[in-house]
Amino acid sequence: MNWVTFLIRTQVMAITLAVLRIIYLNVLAFFDQPERALQYINWYVYGLAILVGILAFFLTRYFIGRSWLAVLLVLFSYLIIYQPILLSMQEALLGNTTGYYGIINFLAISTGLIYLVITAFGMVLGFWFGTVNRD
């Protein structure tokens, strides 16, 4: 696999994980209302995190393959570049004054470690059980 294809695949996967994180936070913020399913919020946090971990497993297994450099590049670019950019874009869209952004900000802080650990675990398992890319 040449370097251009390698970088495109890793960056597409990092952007995909960042978009999944934004969707994850919005779904949790929707359910984190007293009149909805607030008593089941822990089930949603862990259930959605496991779902994202499974998606990270399959994305790593079939999209990246067996490359430790790719796994590290995806995680670092996701954490340092794409996640802060998408969260700031969401802040600009929602505005700081809305209570909905406050809920999303709180959920981003409180569930960030769970999401990161499950995503990294899914990517490592995808690396272990992945196929060797011969491109």
Protein backbone atom coordinates (compact mmCIF):
# COMPACT_ATOMS: atom_id res chain seq x y z
CA MET A 1 0.00 0.00 0.00
CA ASN A 2 1.46 3.34 -0.93
CA TRP A 3 1.64 6.23 1.52
CA VAL A 4 -1.08 8.33 -0.05
CA THR A 5 -3.62 5.51 0.20
CA PHE A 6 -2.41 4.76 3.72
CA LEU A 7 -2.91 8.37 4.85
CA ILE A 8 -6.29 8.67 3.17
CA ARG A 9 -7.56 5.48 4.80
CA THR A 10 -6.35 6.47 8.26
CA GLN A 11 -7.75 9.98 8.05
CA VAL A 12 -11.11 8.80 6.74
CA MET A 13 -11.31 6.39 9.65
CA ALA A 14 -10.34 9.12 12.15
CA ILE A 15 -13.02 11.42 10.74
CA THR A 16 -15.54 8.56 10.89
CA LEU A 17 -14.74 7.95 14.56
CA ALA A 18 -15.08 11.67 15.32
CA VAL A 19 -18.46 11.86 13.58
CA LEU A 20 -19.59 8.74 15.47
CA ARG A 21 -18.55 10.47 18.70
CA ILE A 22 -20.68 13.52 17.86
CA ILE A 23 -23.65 11.29 17.04
CA TYR A 24 -23.02 9.36 20.29
CA LEU A 25 -23.06 12.58 22.32
CA ASN A 26 -26.23 13.87 20.65
CA VAL A 27 -28.09 10.60 21.23
CA LEU A 28 -27.02 10.62 24.88
CA ALA A 29 -28.04 14.27 25.25
CA PHE A 30 -31.43 13.46 23.76
CA PHE A 31 -32.00 10.68 26.30
CA ASP A 32 -30.52 12.67 29.20
CA GLN A 33 -33.77 14.49 29.89
CA PRO A 34 -35.91 13.95 33.00
CA GLU A 35 -39.06 13.16 31.02
CA ARG A 36 -37.35 10.68 28.70
CA ALA A 37 -35.11 7.81 29.78
CA LEU A 38 -32.89 9.42 32.40
CA GLN A 39 -32.96 6.40 34.70
CA TYR A 40 -31.50 4.25 31.90
CA ILE A 41 -28.72 6.66 30.88
CA ASN A 42 -25.92 4.33 32.05
CA TRP A 43 -27.30 1.58 29.82
CA TYR A 44 -27.24 3.98 26.89
CA VAL A 45 -23.69 5.17 27.69
CA TYR A 46 -22.22 1.69 27.80
CA GLY A 47 -24.45 0.21 25.09
CA LEU A 48 -23.61 2.92 22.57
CA ALA A 49 -19.92 2.75 23.53
CA ILE A 50 -19.88 -0.99 22.90
CA LEU A 51 -21.65 -0.44 19.57
CA VAL A 52 -18.98 2.10 18.57
CA GLY A 53 -16.28 -0.36 19.71
CA ILE A 54 -17.75 -3.03 17.45
CA LEU A 55 -17.85 -0.55 14.57
CA ALA A 56 -14.21 0.38 15.26
CA PHE A 57 -13.33 -3.33 15.24
CA PHE A 58 -14.88 -3.90 11.82
CA LEU A 59 -13.52 -0.65 10.38
CA THR A 60 -10.02 -1.56 11.54
CA ARG A 61 -10.30 -5.15 10.43
CA TYR A 62 -11.50 -4.50 6.91
CA PHE A 63 -10.44 -0.93 6.21
CA ILE A 64 -6.97 -0.62 7.74
CA GLY A 65 -5.81 -4.19 8.36
CA ARG A 66 -2.73 -5.19 10.31
CA SER A 67 -0.79 -1.98 10.69
CA TRP A 68 0.14 -0.65 14.12
CA LEU A 69 1.21 2.61 12.58
CA ALA A 70 -2.28 3.05 11.14
CA VAL A 71 -3.96 2.36 14.48
CA LEU A 72 -1.76 4.91 16.25
CA LEU A 73 -2.18 7.45 13.46
CA VAL A 74 -5.97 7.10 13.58
CA LEU A 75 -6.12 7.49 17.37
CA PHE A 76 -3.74 10.46 17.51
CA SER A 77 -5.34 12.34 14.63
CA TYR A 78 -8.79 11.60 16.06
CA LEU A 79 -7.84 12.89 19.52
CA ILE A 80 -5.72 15.86 18.53
CA ILE A 81 -7.28 17.12 15.29
CA TYR A 82 -10.77 15.95 14.43
CA GLN A 83 -12.56 15.60 17.76
CA PRO A 84 -11.79 19.15 19.00
CA ILE A 85 -12.69 20.59 15.59
CA LEU A 86 -16.05 18.81 15.45
CA LEU A 87 -16.90 19.70 19.05
CA SER A 88 -16.13 23.36 18.39
CA MET A 89 -18.25 23.23 15.21
CA GLN A 90 -21.11 21.80 17.22
CA GLU A 91 -20.65 24.55 19.81
CA ALA A 92 -20.84 27.15 17.05
CA LEU A 93 -24.02 25.57 15.68
CA LEU A 94 -25.79 25.21 19.02
CA GLY A 95 -24.43 28.26 20.79
CA ASN A 96 -23.10 28.44 24.32
CA THR A 97 -26.33 29.78 25.74
CA THR A 98 -28.50 26.76 25.03
CA GLY A 99 -28.88 24.17 27.73
CA TYR A 100 -28.53 21.44 25.13
CA TYR A 101 -24.89 22.36 24.55
CA GLY A 102 -24.27 22.29 28.30
CA ILE A 103 -25.59 18.73 28.43
CA ILE A 104 -23.42 17.72 25.46
CA ASN A 105 -20.36 19.35 27.02
CA PHE A 106 -20.97 17.53 30.32
CA LEU A 107 -21.47 14.20 28.52
CA ALA A 108 -18.32 14.77 26.44
CA ILE A 109 -16.31 15.21 29.62
CA SER A 110 -17.92 12.39 31.60
CA THR A 111 -18.01 9.74 28.86
CA GLY A 112 -14.80 10.61 27.03
CA LEU A 113 -12.64 7.99 28.73
CA ILE A 114 -15.21 5.22 28.23
CA TYR A 115 -15.48 6.06 24.54
CA LEU A 116 -11.71 6.25 24.07
CA VAL A 117 -10.99 2.96 25.85
CA ILE A 118 -13.71 1.03 24.01
CA THR A 119 -12.67 2.51 20.65
CA ALA A 120 -8.99 1.71 21.24
CA PHE A 121 -9.91 -1.80 22.39
CA GLY A 122 -12.01 -2.34 19.26
CA MET A 123 -9.19 -1.08 17.07
CA VAL A 124 -6.61 -3.34 18.75
CA LEU A 125 -8.90 -6.35 18.32
CA GLY A 126 -9.44 -5.33 14.70
CA PHE A 127 -5.67 -5.24 14.27
CA TRP A 128 -5.23 -8.68 15.82
CA PHE A 129 -7.97 -10.31 13.75
CA GLY A 130 -7.46 -8.16 10.66
CA THR A 131 -6.25 -9.17 7.27
CA VAL A 132 -2.93 -8.20 5.78
CA ASN A 133 -3.38 -5.52 3.13
CA ARG A 134 -1.44 -6.37 -0.01
CA ASP A 135 -2.31 -3.18 -1.90
